[in-house]
Amino acid sequence: MDAIRLCLLADTHGILDPRIAAVAQGCDHVVHAGDIGSEAVLDECAAGTASVHGVRGNNDTAEKWRGDPAICARLPASIRLALPGGTLAVVHGDAWPARDRHRRLRAAYPDAAAVLYGHSHRLIVDDSARPWILNPGAAGRARTYGGPSCLLLSVSDSAWEIAVQRFAKA
């Protein structure tokens, strides 16, 4: 079986960097870890992909959402995606304090192969233990800390591989 490619992103706050949109179009799935900000971001993520999955971030509220507020209201707080070789758990991450977030995420999702979160806007790949803790950084314009970024996850029954995609600030 060929590997499945996922584009992991977060914290677009209504604007998806076009370079990340281009990366997403080459993937089988796009997974957004919250603070999406607009219906347009979801539409851009869906262009050319098999599916888009997303969770609600602390800024994904009816007052701040651009587009149909019913779409924002339907976003779950967390999801689990069954993938070849394991499960990817997805949350926004604002419920856990930064100082021990990774420990708490690992404790909350011990059966997952990886946990994807956003909120901090900081790109992190913590593969020091299972589950891996992944934060793709910010895929829009707000607080990108070095430029917009996302993660590419390739999964198969026998292996999971992660690659960082970071672009210069526009």
N, C-alpha and C. Protein backbone atom coordinates (compact mmCIF):
# COMPACT_ATOMS: atom_id res chain seq x y z
N MET A 1 0.84 -1.19 0.00
CA MET A 1 0.00 0.00 0.00
C MET A 1 0.89 1.25 0.00
N ASP A 2 0.55 2.20 -0.84
CA ASP A 2 1.28 3.46 -0.88
C ASP A 2 0.98 4.26 0.38
N ALA A 3 1.92 5.11 0.73
CA ALA A 3 1.73 5.97 1.90
C ALA A 3 0.64 6.99 1.63
N ILE A 4 -0.08 7.36 2.67
CA ILE A 4 -1.07 8.42 2.62
C ILE A 4 -0.38 9.69 3.10
N ARG A 5 -0.57 10.79 2.37
CA ARG A 5 0.05 12.07 2.74
C ARG A 5 -0.98 13.01 3.33
N LEU A 6 -0.62 13.57 4.49
CA LEU A 6 -1.48 14.53 5.17
C LEU A 6 -0.73 15.84 5.33
N CYS A 7 -1.42 16.93 5.09
CA CYS A 7 -0.90 18.26 5.38
C CYS A 7 -1.49 18.68 6.72
N LEU A 8 -0.63 18.92 7.70
CA LEU A 8 -1.06 19.30 9.04
C LEU A 8 -0.82 20.79 9.21
N LEU A 9 -1.87 21.53 9.58
CA LEU A 9 -1.71 22.97 9.75
C LEU A 9 -2.57 23.49 10.87
N ALA A 10 -2.32 24.74 11.25
CA ALA A 10 -3.06 25.36 12.36
C ALA A 10 -2.94 26.88 12.26
N ASP A 11 -3.74 27.54 13.04
CA ASP A 11 -3.62 28.98 13.30
C ASP A 11 -3.53 29.83 12.03
N THR A 12 -4.51 29.66 11.16
CA THR A 12 -4.59 30.50 9.97
C THR A 12 -5.29 31.82 10.27
N HIS A 13 -6.16 31.85 11.23
CA HIS A 13 -6.89 33.06 11.61
C HIS A 13 -7.49 33.77 10.40
N GLY A 14 -8.09 32.98 9.50
CA GLY A 14 -8.82 33.53 8.36
C GLY A 14 -8.01 33.70 7.09
N ILE A 15 -6.70 33.48 7.13
CA ILE A 15 -5.86 33.65 5.94
C ILE A 15 -4.89 32.48 5.83
N LEU A 16 -5.00 31.73 4.74
CA LEU A 16 -4.09 30.62 4.47
C LEU A 16 -3.01 31.10 3.51
N ASP A 17 -1.75 30.98 3.92
CA ASP A 17 -0.65 31.36 3.04
C ASP A 17 -0.76 30.56 1.74
N PRO A 18 -0.67 31.22 0.58
CA PRO A 18 -0.85 30.50 -0.69
C PRO A 18 0.20 29.42 -0.94
N ARG A 19 1.37 29.55 -0.39
CA ARG A 19 2.40 28.51 -0.55
C ARG A 19 2.02 27.26 0.23
N ILE A 20 1.37 27.43 1.36
CA ILE A 20 0.90 26.28 2.12
C ILE A 20 -0.32 25.68 1.44
N ALA A 21 -1.17 26.52 0.86
CA ALA A 21 -2.31 25.99 0.09
C ALA A 21 -1.81 25.10 -1.05
N ALA A 22 -0.73 25.48 -1.69
CA ALA A 22 -0.17 24.67 -2.78
C ALA A 22 0.35 23.33 -2.26
N VAL A 23 0.98 23.33 -1.10
CA VAL A 23 1.45 22.09 -0.49
C VAL A 23 0.25 21.20 -0.17
N ALA A 24 -0.80 21.78 0.39
CA ALA A 24 -1.99 21.02 0.77
C ALA A 24 -2.65 20.36 -0.42
N GLN A 25 -2.60 21.02 -1.57
CA GLN A 25 -3.26 20.47 -2.76
C GLN A 25 -2.62 19.16 -3.22
N GLY A 26 -1.39 18.90 -2.82
CA GLY A 26 -0.74 17.66 -3.21
C GLY A 26 -0.94 16.53 -2.22
N CYS A 27 -1.80 16.73 -1.23
CA CYS A 27 -1.99 15.73 -0.16
C CYS A 27 -3.34 15.04 -0.27
N ASP A 28 -3.42 13.89 0.36
CA ASP A 28 -4.67 13.13 0.41
C ASP A 28 -5.66 13.72 1.40
N HIS A 29 -5.12 14.28 2.49
CA HIS A 29 -5.96 14.87 3.55
C HIS A 29 -5.29 16.13 4.07
N VAL A 30 -6.11 17.07 4.49
CA VAL A 30 -5.65 18.26 5.20
C VAL A 30 -6.28 18.23 6.58
N VAL A 31 -5.45 18.45 7.60
CA VAL A 31 -5.92 18.43 8.98
C VAL A 31 -5.55 19.76 9.63
N HIS A 32 -6.56 20.49 10.10
CA HIS A 32 -6.37 21.83 10.68
C HIS A 32 -6.62 21.76 12.18
N ALA A 33 -5.62 22.20 12.97
CA ALA A 33 -5.71 22.11 14.42
C ALA A 33 -6.26 23.38 15.07
N GLY A 34 -7.16 24.06 14.40
CA GLY A 34 -7.92 25.13 15.02
C GLY A 34 -7.40 26.54 14.82
N ASP A 35 -8.25 27.49 15.22
CA ASP A 35 -8.13 28.91 14.88
C ASP A 35 -8.08 29.04 13.36
N ILE A 36 -9.09 28.43 12.75
CA ILE A 36 -9.25 28.43 11.29
C ILE A 36 -9.63 29.84 10.84
N GLY A 37 -10.68 30.40 11.42
CA GLY A 37 -11.04 31.79 11.20
C GLY A 37 -12.01 32.09 10.08
N SER A 38 -12.12 31.21 9.10
CA SER A 38 -13.06 31.52 8.01
C SER A 38 -13.39 30.28 7.19
N GLU A 39 -14.56 30.35 6.62
CA GLU A 39 -15.03 29.32 5.69
C GLU A 39 -14.10 29.24 4.48
N ALA A 40 -13.57 30.39 4.05
CA ALA A 40 -12.68 30.45 2.88
C ALA A 40 -11.43 29.59 3.08
N VAL A 41 -10.89 29.58 4.30
CA VAL A 41 -9.71 28.75 4.58
C VAL A 41 -10.05 27.28 4.37
N LEU A 42 -11.19 26.84 4.86
CA LEU A 42 -11.60 25.44 4.66
C LEU A 42 -11.76 25.13 3.17
N ASP A 43 -12.33 26.07 2.42
CA ASP A 43 -12.49 25.88 0.97
C ASP A 43 -11.13 25.76 0.28
N GLU A 44 -10.18 26.61 0.66
CA GLU A 44 -8.83 26.54 0.08
C GLU A 44 -8.15 25.22 0.44
N CYS A 45 -8.35 24.77 1.64
CA CYS A 45 -7.77 23.50 2.06
C CYS A 45 -8.35 22.34 1.27
N ALA A 46 -9.61 22.43 0.90
CA ALA A 46 -10.30 21.35 0.20
C ALA A 46 -9.94 21.28 -1.28
N ALA A 47 -9.39 22.33 -1.84
CA ALA A 47 -9.06 22.34 -3.28
C ALA A 47 -8.04 21.26 -3.58
N GLY A 48 -8.46 20.24 -4.32
CA GLY A 48 -7.55 19.19 -4.77
C GLY A 48 -7.27 18.09 -3.76
N THR A 49 -7.95 18.08 -2.61
CA THR A 49 -7.69 17.04 -1.62
C THR A 49 -8.91 16.13 -1.48
N ALA A 50 -8.65 14.97 -0.94
CA ALA A 50 -9.73 14.02 -0.72
C ALA A 50 -10.63 14.45 0.43
N SER A 51 -10.04 15.03 1.48
CA SER A 51 -10.85 15.42 2.63
C SER A 51 -10.14 16.47 3.48
N VAL A 52 -10.94 17.22 4.22
CA VAL A 52 -10.44 18.22 5.16
C VAL A 52 -11.06 17.92 6.52
N HIS A 53 -10.21 17.92 7.54
CA HIS A 53 -10.65 17.69 8.91
C HIS A 53 -10.17 18.88 9.73
N GLY A 54 -11.00 19.36 10.62
CA GLY A 54 -10.58 20.49 11.45
C GLY A 54 -11.25 20.47 12.80
N VAL A 55 -10.60 21.14 13.74
CA VAL A 55 -11.16 21.30 15.08
C VAL A 55 -11.31 22.79 15.38
N ARG A 56 -12.14 23.08 16.34
CA ARG A 56 -12.41 24.46 16.75
C ARG A 56 -11.29 24.95 17.65
N GLY A 57 -10.81 26.15 17.36
CA GLY A 57 -9.83 26.80 18.23
C GLY A 57 -10.52 27.83 19.10
N ASN A 58 -9.80 28.40 20.04
CA ASN A 58 -10.38 29.38 20.95
C ASN A 58 -10.83 30.65 20.23
N ASN A 59 -10.32 30.91 19.03
CA ASN A 59 -10.77 32.07 18.25
C ASN A 59 -11.82 31.73 17.21
N ASP A 60 -12.19 30.47 17.11
CA ASP A 60 -13.25 30.06 16.17
C ASP A 60 -14.60 30.22 16.86
N THR A 61 -15.04 31.47 16.93
CA THR A 61 -16.32 31.81 17.55
C THR A 61 -17.21 32.48 16.52
N ALA A 62 -18.50 32.48 16.77
CA ALA A 62 -19.45 33.09 15.84
C ALA A 62 -19.12 34.56 15.60
N GLU A 63 -18.64 35.25 16.63
CA GLU A 63 -18.34 36.69 16.50
C GLU A 63 -17.14 36.95 15.60
N LYS A 64 -16.18 36.04 15.58
CA LYS A 64 -14.94 36.25 14.83
C LYS A 64 -14.92 35.54 13.48
N TRP A 65 -15.80 34.56 13.29
CA TRP A 65 -15.81 33.72 12.08
C TRP A 65 -16.22 34.51 10.86
N ARG A 66 -15.49 34.35 9.77
CA ARG A 66 -15.86 34.96 8.49
C ARG A 66 -16.48 33.88 7.61
N GLY A 67 -17.76 34.06 7.30
CA GLY A 67 -18.49 33.08 6.52
C GLY A 67 -19.69 32.58 7.30
N ASP A 68 -20.21 31.44 6.89
CA ASP A 68 -21.39 30.85 7.50
C ASP A 68 -21.09 30.42 8.94
N PRO A 69 -21.72 31.06 9.94
CA PRO A 69 -21.42 30.70 11.33
C PRO A 69 -21.83 29.27 11.68
N ALA A 70 -22.72 28.67 10.91
CA ALA A 70 -23.12 27.28 11.17
C ALA A 70 -21.94 26.33 10.94
N ILE A 71 -21.07 26.67 10.01
CA ILE A 71 -19.88 25.85 9.76
C ILE A 71 -18.96 25.90 10.97
N CYS A 72 -18.76 27.08 11.50
CA CYS A 72 -17.93 27.24 12.71
C CYS A 72 -18.54 26.45 13.87
N ALA A 73 -19.85 26.53 14.03
CA ALA A 73 -20.52 25.85 15.15
C ALA A 73 -20.39 24.33 15.07
N ARG A 74 -20.23 23.80 13.86
CA ARG A 74 -20.12 22.35 13.68
C ARG A 74 -18.71 21.82 13.93
N LEU A 75 -17.72 22.68 14.07
CA LEU A 75 -16.36 22.21 14.30
C LEU A 75 -16.26 21.55 15.68
N PRO A 76 -15.74 20.32 15.74
CA PRO A 76 -15.61 19.65 17.04
C PRO A 76 -14.42 20.19 17.82
N ALA A 77 -14.40 19.95 19.11
CA ALA A 77 -13.27 20.35 19.95
C ALA A 77 -12.07 19.44 19.74
N SER A 78 -12.32 18.20 19.36
CA SER A 78 -11.23 17.26 19.10
C SER A 78 -11.72 16.20 18.12
N ILE A 79 -10.76 15.57 17.45
CA ILE A 79 -11.07 14.45 16.56
C ILE A 79 -9.94 13.42 16.68
N ARG A 80 -10.27 12.22 16.28
CA ARG A 80 -9.29 11.14 16.17
C ARG A 80 -9.43 10.57 14.77
N LEU A 81 -8.33 10.54 14.05
CA LEU A 81 -8.34 10.00 12.70
C LEU A 81 -7.62 8.66 12.69
N ALA A 82 -8.34 7.61 12.31
CA ALA A 82 -7.75 6.28 12.19
C ALA A 82 -6.99 6.24 10.87
N LEU A 83 -5.70 6.02 10.95
CA LEU A 83 -4.83 6.00 9.79
C LEU A 83 -4.05 4.69 9.75
N PRO A 84 -3.50 4.33 8.61
CA PRO A 84 -2.65 3.15 8.60
C PRO A 84 -1.52 3.30 9.63
N GLY A 85 -1.34 2.31 10.46
CA GLY A 85 -0.27 2.34 11.44
C GLY A 85 -0.57 3.06 12.73
N GLY A 86 -1.77 3.63 12.89
CA GLY A 86 -2.08 4.30 14.15
C GLY A 86 -3.13 5.38 14.03
N THR A 87 -3.34 6.08 15.12
CA THR A 87 -4.36 7.13 15.22
C THR A 87 -3.69 8.48 15.40
N LEU A 88 -4.23 9.49 14.71
CA LEU A 88 -3.82 10.88 14.90
C LEU A 88 -4.92 11.57 15.69
N ALA A 89 -4.58 12.05 16.88
CA ALA A 89 -5.51 12.83 17.70
C ALA A 89 -5.27 14.31 17.39
N VAL A 90 -6.36 15.09 17.31
CA VAL A 90 -6.24 16.51 16.95
C VAL A 90 -7.04 17.34 17.94
N VAL A 91 -6.38 18.34 18.53
CA VAL A 91 -7.01 19.30 19.44
C VAL A 91 -6.38 20.66 19.15
N HIS A 92 -7.00 21.71 19.66
CA HIS A 92 -6.37 23.02 19.47
C HIS A 92 -5.23 23.24 20.46
N GLY A 93 -5.38 22.80 21.68
CA GLY A 93 -4.30 22.87 22.64
C GLY A 93 -4.40 23.97 23.68
N ASP A 94 -5.41 24.82 23.58
CA ASP A 94 -5.52 25.93 24.52
C ASP A 94 -5.95 25.49 25.92
N ALA A 95 -6.39 24.25 26.08
CA ALA A 95 -6.85 23.78 27.38
C ALA A 95 -5.71 23.38 28.30
N TRP A 96 -4.50 23.28 27.76
CA TRP A 96 -3.36 22.84 28.55
C TRP A 96 -2.33 23.96 28.65
N PRO A 97 -1.81 24.21 29.87
CA PRO A 97 -0.78 25.25 30.01
C PRO A 97 0.51 24.86 29.28
N ALA A 98 1.19 25.83 28.73
CA ALA A 98 2.39 25.58 27.92
C ALA A 98 3.47 24.82 28.69
N ARG A 99 3.62 25.09 29.96
CA ARG A 99 4.75 24.52 30.71
C ARG A 99 4.74 22.99 30.75
N ASP A 100 3.57 22.36 30.70
CA ASP A 100 3.54 20.90 30.70
C ASP A 100 2.55 20.34 29.68
N ARG A 101 2.36 21.09 28.60
CA ARG A 101 1.38 20.71 27.57
C ARG A 101 1.70 19.34 26.96
N HIS A 102 2.95 19.09 26.63
CA HIS A 102 3.27 17.82 25.97
C HIS A 102 3.01 16.64 26.89
N ARG A 103 3.37 16.75 28.16
CA ARG A 103 3.11 15.66 29.10
C ARG A 103 1.60 15.41 29.21
N ARG A 104 0.83 16.48 29.30
CA ARG A 104 -0.62 16.34 29.44
C ARG A 104 -1.26 15.79 28.18
N LEU A 105 -0.78 16.21 27.01
CA LEU A 105 -1.31 15.67 25.76
C LEU A 105 -1.01 14.17 25.64
N ARG A 106 0.20 13.79 26.01
CA ARG A 106 0.54 12.35 25.98
C ARG A 106 -0.35 11.56 26.95
N ALA A 107 -0.61 12.13 28.11
CA ALA A 107 -1.47 11.44 29.09
C ALA A 107 -2.92 11.38 28.61
N ALA A 108 -3.39 12.40 27.92
CA ALA A 108 -4.77 12.44 27.45
C ALA A 108 -5.01 11.51 26.25
N TYR A 109 -3.97 11.26 25.47
CA TYR A 109 -4.12 10.45 24.25
C TYR A 109 -3.05 9.36 24.19
N PRO A 110 -2.96 8.48 25.20
CA PRO A 110 -1.87 7.50 25.25
C PRO A 110 -1.92 6.47 24.13
N ASP A 111 -3.09 6.24 23.55
CA ASP A 111 -3.23 5.24 22.50
C ASP A 111 -2.97 5.80 21.11
N ALA A 112 -2.76 7.09 20.97
CA ALA A 112 -2.52 7.71 19.66
C ALA A 112 -1.06 7.51 19.25
N ALA A 113 -0.83 7.48 17.95
CA ALA A 113 0.54 7.48 17.43
C ALA A 113 1.10 8.89 17.49
N ALA A 114 0.22 9.90 17.30
CA ALA A 114 0.64 11.30 17.34
C ALA A 114 -0.53 12.16 17.76
N VAL A 115 -0.20 13.30 18.37
CA VAL A 115 -1.19 14.30 18.74
C VAL A 115 -0.81 15.59 18.03
N LEU A 116 -1.75 16.14 17.28
CA LEU A 116 -1.57 17.41 16.58
C LEU A 116 -2.30 18.49 17.35
N TYR A 117 -1.60 19.60 17.61
CA TYR A 117 -2.24 20.73 18.27
C TYR A 117 -1.74 22.03 17.66
N GLY A 118 -2.42 23.11 17.96
CA GLY A 118 -2.04 24.44 17.50
C GLY A 118 -1.90 25.38 18.68
N HIS A 119 -2.52 26.52 18.59
CA HIS A 119 -2.65 27.53 19.63
C HIS A 119 -1.39 28.37 19.86
N SER A 120 -0.24 27.76 19.99
CA SER A 120 0.97 28.52 20.34
C SER A 120 1.60 29.23 19.14
N HIS A 121 1.24 28.82 17.93
CA HIS A 121 1.83 29.35 16.70
C HIS A 121 3.30 28.96 16.56
N ARG A 122 3.79 28.06 17.38
CA ARG A 122 5.20 27.67 17.37
C ARG A 122 5.35 26.27 16.78
N LEU A 123 6.19 26.17 15.77
CA LEU A 123 6.46 24.91 15.08
C LEU A 123 7.24 23.99 16.02
N ILE A 124 6.67 22.80 16.27
CA ILE A 124 7.29 21.83 17.16
C ILE A 124 7.06 20.42 16.62
N VAL A 125 8.13 19.65 16.57
CA VAL A 125 8.03 18.22 16.31
C VAL A 125 8.73 17.52 17.47
N ASP A 126 7.95 17.01 18.40
CA ASP A 126 8.47 16.31 19.56
C ASP A 126 8.23 14.82 19.35
N ASP A 127 9.23 14.18 18.78
CA ASP A 127 9.12 12.74 18.53
C ASP A 127 10.00 11.95 19.50
N SER A 128 10.25 12.53 20.67
CA SER A 128 11.10 11.90 21.68
C SER A 128 10.41 10.73 22.37
N ALA A 129 9.09 10.66 22.28
CA ALA A 129 8.32 9.58 22.89
C ALA A 129 7.01 9.44 22.12
N ARG A 130 6.31 8.34 22.35
CA ARG A 130 5.00 8.14 21.77
C ARG A 130 3.94 8.51 22.78
N PRO A 131 2.85 9.12 22.38
CA PRO A 131 2.65 9.62 21.03
C PRO A 131 3.53 10.83 20.72
N TRP A 132 3.85 10.99 19.43
CA TRP A 132 4.54 12.20 19.01
C TRP A 132 3.62 13.38 19.31
N ILE A 133 4.21 14.53 19.61
CA ILE A 133 3.45 15.75 19.81
C ILE A 133 3.87 16.72 18.71
N LEU A 134 2.90 17.13 17.89
CA LEU A 134 3.17 17.91 16.70
C LEU A 134 2.42 19.23 16.71
N ASN A 135 3.12 20.32 16.47
CA ASN A 135 2.50 21.62 16.27
C ASN A 135 3.06 22.18 14.97
N PRO A 136 2.21 22.39 13.96
CA PRO A 136 2.71 22.84 12.67
C PRO A 136 3.06 24.33 12.60
N GLY A 137 2.90 25.06 13.69
CA GLY A 137 3.12 26.50 13.65
C GLY A 137 1.92 27.18 13.01
N ALA A 138 2.09 28.41 12.59
CA ALA A 138 1.00 29.18 12.00
C ALA A 138 1.08 29.13 10.47
N ALA A 139 -0.05 28.79 9.85
CA ALA A 139 -0.10 28.65 8.39
C ALA A 139 -0.68 29.88 7.72
N GLY A 140 -0.84 30.96 8.46
CA GLY A 140 -1.37 32.20 7.90
C GLY A 140 -0.37 33.32 8.01
N ARG A 141 -0.81 34.48 8.51
CA ARG A 141 0.07 35.64 8.67
C ARG A 141 0.33 36.01 10.12
N ALA A 142 -0.52 35.57 11.02
CA ALA A 142 -0.44 36.00 12.42
C ALA A 142 0.63 35.23 13.18
N ARG A 143 1.59 35.93 13.76
CA ARG A 143 2.61 35.35 14.63
C ARG A 143 3.18 34.05 14.07
N THR A 144 3.87 34.13 12.95
CA THR A 144 4.43 32.93 12.33
C THR A 144 5.79 32.54 12.88
N TYR A 145 6.42 33.39 13.65
CA TYR A 145 7.70 33.06 14.30
C TYR A 145 8.69 32.42 13.33
N GLY A 146 9.05 33.14 12.29
CA GLY A 146 10.02 32.65 11.32
C GLY A 146 9.44 32.37 9.95
N GLY A 147 8.15 32.51 9.80
CA GLY A 147 7.50 32.29 8.52
C GLY A 147 6.40 31.26 8.62
N PRO A 148 5.43 31.34 7.73
CA PRO A 148 4.32 30.37 7.75
C PRO A 148 4.84 28.95 7.56
N SER A 149 4.18 28.01 8.24
CA SER A 149 4.67 26.64 8.21
C SER A 149 3.52 25.65 8.29
N CYS A 150 3.85 24.41 7.92
CA CYS A 150 2.96 23.28 8.06
C CYS A 150 3.83 22.04 8.17
N LEU A 151 3.21 20.92 8.46
CA LEU A 151 3.91 19.65 8.53
C LEU A 151 3.30 18.70 7.51
N LEU A 152 4.13 17.89 6.91
CA LEU A 152 3.67 16.83 6.02
C LEU A 152 3.88 15.51 6.73
N LEU A 153 2.82 14.77 6.88
CA LEU A 153 2.87 13.47 7.53
C LEU A 153 2.56 12.41 6.48
N SER A 154 3.50 11.48 6.30
CA SER A 154 3.29 10.33 5.42
C SER A 154 3.11 9.11 6.30
N VAL A 155 2.01 8.39 6.10
CA VAL A 155 1.72 7.23 6.94
C VAL A 155 1.47 5.99 6.09
N SER A 156 1.94 4.89 6.61
CA SER A 156 1.63 3.57 6.05
C SER A 156 1.52 2.62 7.23
N ASP A 157 1.17 1.38 6.97
CA ASP A 157 1.06 0.40 8.05
C ASP A 157 2.38 0.21 8.79
N SER A 158 3.49 0.40 8.08
CA SER A 158 4.79 0.10 8.68
C SER A 158 5.57 1.32 9.16
N ALA A 159 5.21 2.53 8.75
CA ALA A 159 6.01 3.70 9.15
C ALA A 159 5.22 4.99 9.09
N TRP A 160 5.58 5.91 9.97
CA TRP A 160 5.09 7.29 9.94
C TRP A 160 6.31 8.18 9.80
N GLU A 161 6.24 9.13 8.87
CA GLU A 161 7.35 10.07 8.65
C GLU A 161 6.80 11.48 8.62
N ILE A 162 7.55 12.40 9.23
CA ILE A 162 7.12 13.80 9.31
C ILE A 162 8.16 14.68 8.64
N ALA A 163 7.71 15.66 7.88
CA ALA A 163 8.60 16.62 7.22
C ALA A 163 8.08 18.03 7.49
N VAL A 164 8.99 18.95 7.75
CA VAL A 164 8.64 20.34 8.03
C VAL A 164 8.65 21.14 6.72
N GLN A 165 7.62 21.96 6.54
CA GLN A 165 7.57 22.91 5.43
C GLN A 165 7.48 24.30 6.04
N ARG A 166 8.51 25.12 5.85
CA ARG A 166 8.49 26.48 6.38
C ARG A 166 8.89 27.41 5.23
N PHE A 167 8.17 28.52 5.14
CA PHE A 167 8.40 29.50 4.09
C PHE A 167 8.83 30.83 4.70
N ALA A 168 9.57 31.61 3.93
CA ALA A 168 9.98 32.93 4.39
C ALA A 168 8.75 33.80 4.55
N LYS A 169 8.83 34.74 5.48
CA LYS A 169 7.72 35.67 5.67
C LYS A 169 7.48 36.41 4.36
N ALA A 170 6.21 36.54 4.01
CA ALA A 170 5.85 37.21 2.73
C ALA A 170 5.98 38.72 2.87
